[in-house]
Every structure is written in C-alpha cells, then in structure tokens.
Protein backbone atom coordinates (compact mmCIF):
# COMPACT_ATOMS: atom_id res chain seq x y z
CA MET A 1 -49.33 203.10 49.60
CA ALA A 2 -51.62 205.67 48.03
CA PRO A 3 -55.33 205.47 48.85
CA GLY A 4 -57.34 203.62 46.16
CA THR A 5 -54.29 201.67 44.94
CA ASN A 6 -55.40 198.31 43.48
CA ILE A 7 -53.24 195.38 44.79
CA ARG A 8 -52.92 192.51 42.26
CA PRO A 9 -51.29 189.43 43.75
CA SER A 10 -48.82 187.56 41.56
CA ARG A 11 -49.68 184.34 39.81
CA ARG A 12 -47.49 182.51 42.10
CA ALA A 13 -49.24 183.98 45.15
CA LEU A 14 -52.61 183.00 43.82
CA ILE A 15 -51.55 179.38 43.17
CA GLY A 16 -49.89 179.18 46.58
CA GLY A 17 -53.01 180.45 48.30
CA ALA A 18 -55.23 177.97 46.47
CA ALA A 19 -52.96 175.11 47.49
CA ALA A 20 -52.98 176.29 51.14
CA PHE A 21 -56.78 176.38 51.00
CA PHE A 22 -57.04 172.79 49.70
CA ILE A 23 -54.64 171.57 52.27
CA THR A 24 -56.18 173.44 55.25
CA SER A 25 -59.79 173.73 54.33
CA PRO A 26 -61.75 172.16 57.21
CA VAL A 27 -64.64 171.33 54.72
CA LEU A 28 -62.44 169.38 52.60
CA ALA A 29 -60.83 167.56 55.46
CA GLN A 30 -64.25 166.58 56.88
CA THR A 31 -65.38 165.11 53.50
CA GLY A 32 -62.26 163.03 53.24
CA PHE A 33 -61.31 164.54 49.90
CA LEU A 34 -57.62 164.13 50.80
CA SER A 35 -57.57 161.92 53.82
CA ASP A 36 -58.95 158.74 52.30
CA LEU A 37 -55.93 158.47 50.03
CA SER A 38 -53.25 159.92 52.19
CA GLN A 39 -53.78 157.74 55.30
CA PRO A 40 -56.40 154.95 55.08
CA ARG A 41 -57.61 154.45 58.73
CA GLY A 42 -54.88 156.80 59.88
CA ALA A 43 -52.08 154.50 59.05
CA ARG A 44 -49.54 154.21 56.14
CA ILE A 45 -50.82 150.73 55.35
CA LEU A 46 -53.06 149.41 52.54
CA ARG A 47 -54.94 146.47 53.80
CA VAL A 48 -56.25 144.09 51.08
CA ALA A 49 -58.72 141.34 51.74
CA MET A 50 -58.09 138.00 50.12
CA PRO A 51 -59.71 134.60 51.04
CA ARG A 52 -57.68 132.05 52.72
CA PHE A 53 -58.13 129.41 50.02
CA LEU A 54 -56.14 128.90 46.77
CA SER A 55 -57.36 130.30 43.46
CA ARG A 56 -54.55 130.13 40.89
CA PRO A 57 -53.41 132.04 39.02
CA PHE A 58 -55.00 134.89 40.98
CA PHE A 59 -53.60 134.06 44.49
CA GLU A 60 -52.12 131.24 46.51
CA LYS A 61 -53.49 129.80 49.74
CA ALA A 62 -52.87 131.57 52.95
CA GLY A 63 -49.45 130.73 54.38
CA ASP A 64 -47.93 130.05 50.98
CA ALA A 65 -45.86 132.48 48.89
CA ASP A 66 -47.73 135.74 48.01
CA ALA A 67 -47.92 135.23 44.23
CA GLY A 68 -50.57 135.70 41.47
CA ILE A 69 -52.43 138.12 39.30
CA ASP A 70 -54.24 139.74 42.19
CA VAL A 71 -51.14 139.75 44.43
CA GLU A 72 -49.17 141.60 41.79
CA LEU A 73 -52.04 144.11 41.24
CA SER A 74 -52.27 144.74 45.01
CA ARG A 75 -48.46 145.43 45.17
CA ASP A 76 -48.63 147.82 42.29
CA ILE A 77 -51.50 149.80 43.72
CA ALA A 78 -49.82 150.03 47.18
CA ARG A 79 -46.58 151.15 45.48
CA ALA A 80 -48.53 153.89 43.52
CA LEU A 81 -50.09 155.10 46.79
CA GLU A 82 -46.74 154.94 48.63
CA LEU A 83 -48.21 152.72 51.22
CA GLU A 84 -47.20 149.46 52.95
CA LEU A 85 -49.14 146.50 51.86
CA SER A 86 -50.80 144.03 54.20
CA PHE A 87 -52.92 141.17 53.22
CA ASP A 88 -55.91 139.96 55.41
CA ARG A 89 -56.39 136.28 54.61
CA SER A 90 -59.10 135.68 57.31
CA ALA A 91 -62.05 135.40 54.88
CA ALA A 92 -63.38 131.91 54.22
CA THR A 93 -65.44 132.93 51.21
CA PHE A 94 -65.64 135.72 48.73
CA ASP A 95 -68.70 137.20 50.61
CA ASP A 96 -66.56 137.13 53.75
CA ALA A 97 -63.86 139.33 51.94
CA VAL A 98 -66.73 141.67 50.85
CA GLY A 99 -67.83 141.81 54.58
CA LEU A 100 -64.32 142.90 55.69
CA ILE A 101 -64.27 145.93 53.42
CA ALA A 102 -67.93 146.78 54.01
CA ARG A 103 -67.13 147.01 57.74
CA GLY A 104 -63.93 149.00 57.18
CA GLU A 105 -61.71 146.25 58.49
CA ALA A 106 -59.80 146.28 55.11
CA ASP A 107 -59.41 148.81 52.39
CA LEU A 108 -59.62 146.79 49.27
CA ALA A 109 -60.73 143.31 48.21
CA ILE A 110 -58.54 142.18 45.26
CA CYS A 111 -59.38 138.40 45.01
CA LYS A 112 -61.08 137.36 41.67
CA LEU A 113 -64.04 139.25 42.99
CA SER A 114 -67.14 139.21 40.72
CA ARG A 115 -69.35 142.33 40.53
CA THR A 116 -72.91 141.55 41.69
CA VAL A 117 -75.93 143.69 42.43
CA ARG A 118 -76.09 142.45 46.01
CA ARG A 119 -72.47 143.25 46.66
CA GLY A 120 -72.79 146.63 45.08
CA ARG A 121 -75.32 147.65 47.73
CA LEU A 122 -72.51 147.09 50.29
CA ILE A 123 -69.32 148.30 48.73
CA LEU A 124 -67.75 150.26 45.92
CA TYR A 125 -66.26 148.68 42.79
CA SER A 126 -63.56 149.65 40.39
CA ARG A 127 -64.08 149.23 36.65
CA PRO A 128 -63.42 145.59 35.69
CA TYR A 129 -59.90 144.27 35.08
CA ALA A 130 -61.00 140.90 33.85
CA ALA A 131 -64.09 139.52 32.08
CA LEU A 132 -65.03 135.86 31.97
CA ASN A 133 -68.09 134.17 30.42
CA HIS A 134 -70.50 132.13 32.41
CA GLY A 135 -70.04 128.40 32.05
CA LEU A 136 -71.74 125.08 32.81
CA ILE A 137 -70.18 121.58 33.25
CA THR A 138 -72.38 118.47 32.98
CA ASN A 139 -72.22 114.75 33.10
CA ARG A 140 -72.46 113.55 29.51
CA VAL A 141 -74.71 110.49 30.13
CA ARG A 142 -77.06 112.61 32.37
CA PHE A 143 -77.21 115.47 29.87
CA ALA A 144 -77.92 113.16 27.01
CA ARG A 145 -80.87 111.84 29.01
CA LEU A 146 -81.96 115.43 29.85
CA ALA A 147 -81.71 116.56 26.27
CA ALA A 148 -83.63 113.66 24.78
CA GLY A 149 -82.48 114.64 21.23
CA GLN A 150 -82.89 118.43 21.73
CA LEU A 151 -80.09 120.90 20.84
CA ALA A 152 -77.90 121.85 23.73
CA ASP A 153 -78.81 125.53 23.44
CA ASN A 154 -82.54 124.68 23.90
CA VAL A 155 -81.95 122.58 26.95
CA VAL A 156 -79.90 125.34 28.66
CA ARG A 157 -82.33 128.13 27.68
CA GLY A 158 -85.30 126.50 29.36
CA PHE A 159 -83.29 124.55 32.01
CA ARG A 160 -85.56 123.19 34.86
CA GLY A 161 -83.31 120.59 36.49
CA ASP A 162 -80.80 120.51 39.36
CA LEU A 163 -78.18 123.17 39.08
CA GLY A 164 -75.08 123.23 41.35
CA VAL A 165 -73.47 126.39 42.65
CA ILE A 166 -70.95 127.20 45.27
CA ALA A 167 -72.53 128.69 48.47
CA HIS A 168 -71.82 132.26 49.08
CA SER A 169 -70.41 132.77 45.65
CA SER A 170 -71.32 135.24 42.96
CA PHE A 171 -72.94 132.30 40.93
CA ALA A 172 -75.20 131.45 43.68
CA GLU A 173 -76.62 135.05 43.08
CA PHE A 174 -76.45 134.74 39.31
CA ALA A 175 -78.27 131.52 39.22
CA ALA A 176 -81.64 133.21 40.27
CA THR A 177 -81.61 135.40 37.12
CA SER A 178 -79.83 133.08 34.74
CA PHE A 179 -81.86 129.99 35.51
CA PRO A 180 -85.10 131.11 37.25
CA ASP A 181 -86.83 127.62 36.86
CA ALA A 182 -83.90 125.55 38.02
CA HIS A 183 -83.61 123.82 41.34
CA ILE A 184 -80.61 125.34 42.96
CA ARG A 185 -78.31 123.10 45.05
CA GLU A 186 -75.58 124.77 46.99
CA PHE A 187 -72.25 123.14 47.64
CA GLU A 188 -69.48 124.00 50.09
CA ASP A 189 -66.79 123.96 47.46
CA TRP A 190 -65.93 123.36 43.75
CA GLY A 191 -64.55 119.88 44.33
CA SER A 192 -67.60 118.52 46.02
CA MET A 193 -69.79 119.99 43.22
CA ILE A 194 -67.70 118.30 40.53
CA ASP A 195 -67.93 115.04 42.34
CA ALA A 196 -71.66 115.41 42.20
CA VAL A 197 -71.42 115.92 38.48
CA ARG A 198 -69.29 112.80 38.18
CA ARG A 199 -71.77 110.77 40.07
CA GLU A 200 -74.79 112.18 38.12
CA GLU A 201 -76.24 113.59 41.38
CA ILE A 202 -76.88 116.99 39.59
CA ASP A 203 -77.62 117.94 36.00
CA MET A 204 -75.13 120.90 35.71
CA ALA A 205 -72.62 122.90 37.76
CA TYR A 206 -72.54 126.58 37.20
CA ARG A 207 -69.41 128.79 37.40
CA ASP A 208 -67.20 130.97 35.22
CA ASP A 209 -65.71 129.41 32.01
CA PHE A 210 -62.19 130.05 33.27
CA GLU A 211 -62.57 127.72 36.29
CA ILE A 212 -64.24 125.00 34.01
CA LYS A 213 -61.38 125.22 31.45
CA LYS A 214 -58.86 125.15 34.34
CA LEU A 215 -60.50 122.04 35.62
CA MET A 216 -60.03 120.37 32.20
CA VAL A 217 -56.37 121.44 32.24
CA ASP A 218 -55.81 119.82 35.63
CA ASP A 219 -57.75 116.55 34.82
CA PRO A 220 -57.98 115.94 31.07
CA SER A 221 -59.60 112.54 31.76
CA LEU A 222 -62.76 114.59 32.94
CA THR A 223 -63.57 115.10 29.32
CA VAL A 224 -64.60 111.49 28.97
CA VAL A 225 -67.37 111.78 31.49
CA ALA A 226 -68.16 115.50 31.38
CA ARG A 227 -68.69 118.23 28.80
CA SER A 228 -68.56 122.03 29.20
CA ILE A 229 -70.92 124.73 27.88
CA THR A 230 -69.92 128.30 27.61
CA LEU A 231 -72.64 130.89 27.87
CA THR A 232 -71.28 133.63 25.42
CA ASP A 233 -74.19 135.98 26.30
CA ARG A 234 -73.40 136.20 30.04
CA THR A 235 -70.34 137.80 31.45
CA ASP A 236 -68.67 137.66 34.83
CA THR A 237 -66.73 140.83 35.41
CA LEU A 238 -63.93 140.95 38.04
CA ALA A 239 -63.17 144.08 39.81
CA ILE A 240 -61.47 145.63 42.91
CA GLY A 241 -63.80 146.00 45.82
CA ILE A 242 -63.32 149.25 47.79
CA ARG A 243 -64.69 150.06 51.29
CA PRO A 244 -67.76 152.28 50.94
CA ASP A 245 -66.43 155.23 52.88
CA MET A 246 -63.43 155.78 50.59
CA PRO A 247 -64.82 157.26 47.29
CA HIS A 248 -61.41 158.92 46.36
CA LEU A 249 -59.70 155.49 46.65
CA ALA A 250 -62.46 154.09 44.35
CA ALA A 251 -61.69 156.79 41.84
CA PHE A 252 -57.98 156.20 42.10
CA ALA A 253 -58.47 152.47 41.34
CA ASP A 254 -60.20 153.39 38.12
CA LEU A 255 -57.53 155.82 37.25
CA PHE A 256 -54.82 153.38 38.05
CA LEU A 257 -56.33 150.61 35.90
CA ASP A 258 -56.68 153.24 33.01
CA LEU A 259 -53.25 154.57 33.18
CA THR A 260 -51.26 151.45 33.91
CA ARG A 261 -53.34 148.91 31.77
CA GLY A 262 -54.62 151.19 29.14
CA GLY A 263 -58.12 150.08 30.09
CA GLU A 264 -57.26 146.47 28.90
CA VAL A 265 -59.54 143.80 30.34
CA MET A 266 -58.06 140.26 30.74
CA LYS A 267 -60.00 137.45 29.13
CA THR A 268 -60.23 133.73 29.73
CA ASP A 269 -57.71 132.64 27.18
CA ALA A 270 -55.02 134.92 28.47
CA ILE A 271 -55.66 133.78 32.15
CA ILE A 272 -55.63 130.16 31.09
CA ALA A 273 -52.28 130.70 29.19
CA ARG A 274 -50.90 132.11 32.37
CA TYR A 275 -52.10 129.24 34.50
CA ARG A 276 -50.77 126.60 32.02
CA ALA A 277 -47.38 128.34 32.15
CA ALA A 278 -47.38 128.40 36.00
CA GLN A 279 -48.38 124.66 36.04
CA GLY A 280 -45.75 123.75 33.38
CA ALA A 281 -48.61 122.48 31.22
C-alpha cells in the first residue's frame, strides 16, 4: 500500500465495529446497560412478586390457578423478554411485595400495586396501566347522623371522624394527605373493616372505588345499610414495580405498555365488567 493512502472502512465494517463495542465494552457491562435485561440476577428467570391473598380479577390466591389481569401481564412481559416466569407469592401485604423487589429478591411486582411517594423512594415504577378513583363506604345511619343535614361533599371535604384503612396499604398512606383531620383506624383486612362499617364502629372506610363497587356486586344487600362515595378528584394509579437496580427493565416496562397497549389505561368500569363476567354476574 502506498504511503499516505487513506483507508476508509466500509459501512458494514463500521456498523460491525460499533456492535462489537457495545457488546464488549467493559464500561457498558459495568453499568448494566445490557445485563439487567439479558439475565436478571444471572438467570433466565423473571421473578414476579405477588401477595399470597386473593384480589380478583387481578390475581387468585397462592396455590390456586394462576389467572387474572396481573398474571396475564406478567406472562406477556416474560414472553417479550424471552425469560421463564416465576411467581413469588410469599408476601402477606402489598408493602411486603415492594420489600421483595427493593431488596432484589424479585425483579417485578405486578399485583394491583398503587404508586405512592413512600414506595417511590424504594423502587422504580412503570407508567400506570390502570387508574381508579378513591372511594369511601359508610353506614347510612351513621353518615346521616354525622352530616346533620349537610351536603355529602361538605362532610367529606372537612371530615374529622373515624376513618378506616387497611394497614400497610397505599390508602393508609393516602389518608394522611386526603383527610389530615380524620382519626385514622387501621384494620388487618378489608372484611374486618367492612364489618366495622356495618356495626357503625367507624364513620367511613377508605379504599379505591373499584373495590367498593366490587363489594356491592358480591353483596347487593349491603346497599341497604351502606352507601358509597366516589372521590372524582383523587386517583389511585396502578403500575408495575421494578427493583431499583434495574433501570433498563423499568424503561422496557414503559415501552412494553406503550407498544402492546397503545398507552391505554384501564378504568374502574372496564375492570368491574371483567369481574362480573368472571363471577357470572
């Protein structure tokens, strides 16, 4: 080759060299740019945290058939990542499921998981795939006594009474900002809180409007003793929780929701319709 001859690599060589750089670059390997999607925790398994209890139509209780909105979403994501899917059903509460991914013991939490500020300090979140309104359920007699002729909106806006929430739930966190003057009472589960409403032991119970409407589907007679109130100015957004050391997986979750669902966010009425169909109602 003559001295001073310029060597111009072909376009194919340039592209091949760039690809080789991305595959072999130790800097990118160390940052996890590729590794956190190719092999979470070094295995070809995607581990999804989901509480052990029942939450239809999102998931069944541990030990029963794997079915529901969140189970289907988990399967679709694992298939897109070409990974085997494994469910971790050890969590007793939603916060326990958050703890599993915060500690790196699971990769995702897909389990009707609400986005909250406190949880956002521990984990990453995808964009929402469902949005519900906040809701209240109250004993009719007790609420009439509490209102004393006032409009329901006025009672709720300045509420200072006894408000029930499920311990270690998103609404236990929401209550502090939604009802700063209320006396908060925590219950172990939804059933015990509704029993307290029936017995007039608390003024109102606080949860998302889907769970309240589902309650009325399951027990229509409840409308005789209780009334529901939807808070249209407060939204509970459900999203995929992602372990904090996997930013590429978090970005992938957003991309997956955009491309496979067109950015559509499920609302209460659509979820209730699916619940009714599953129950044969």
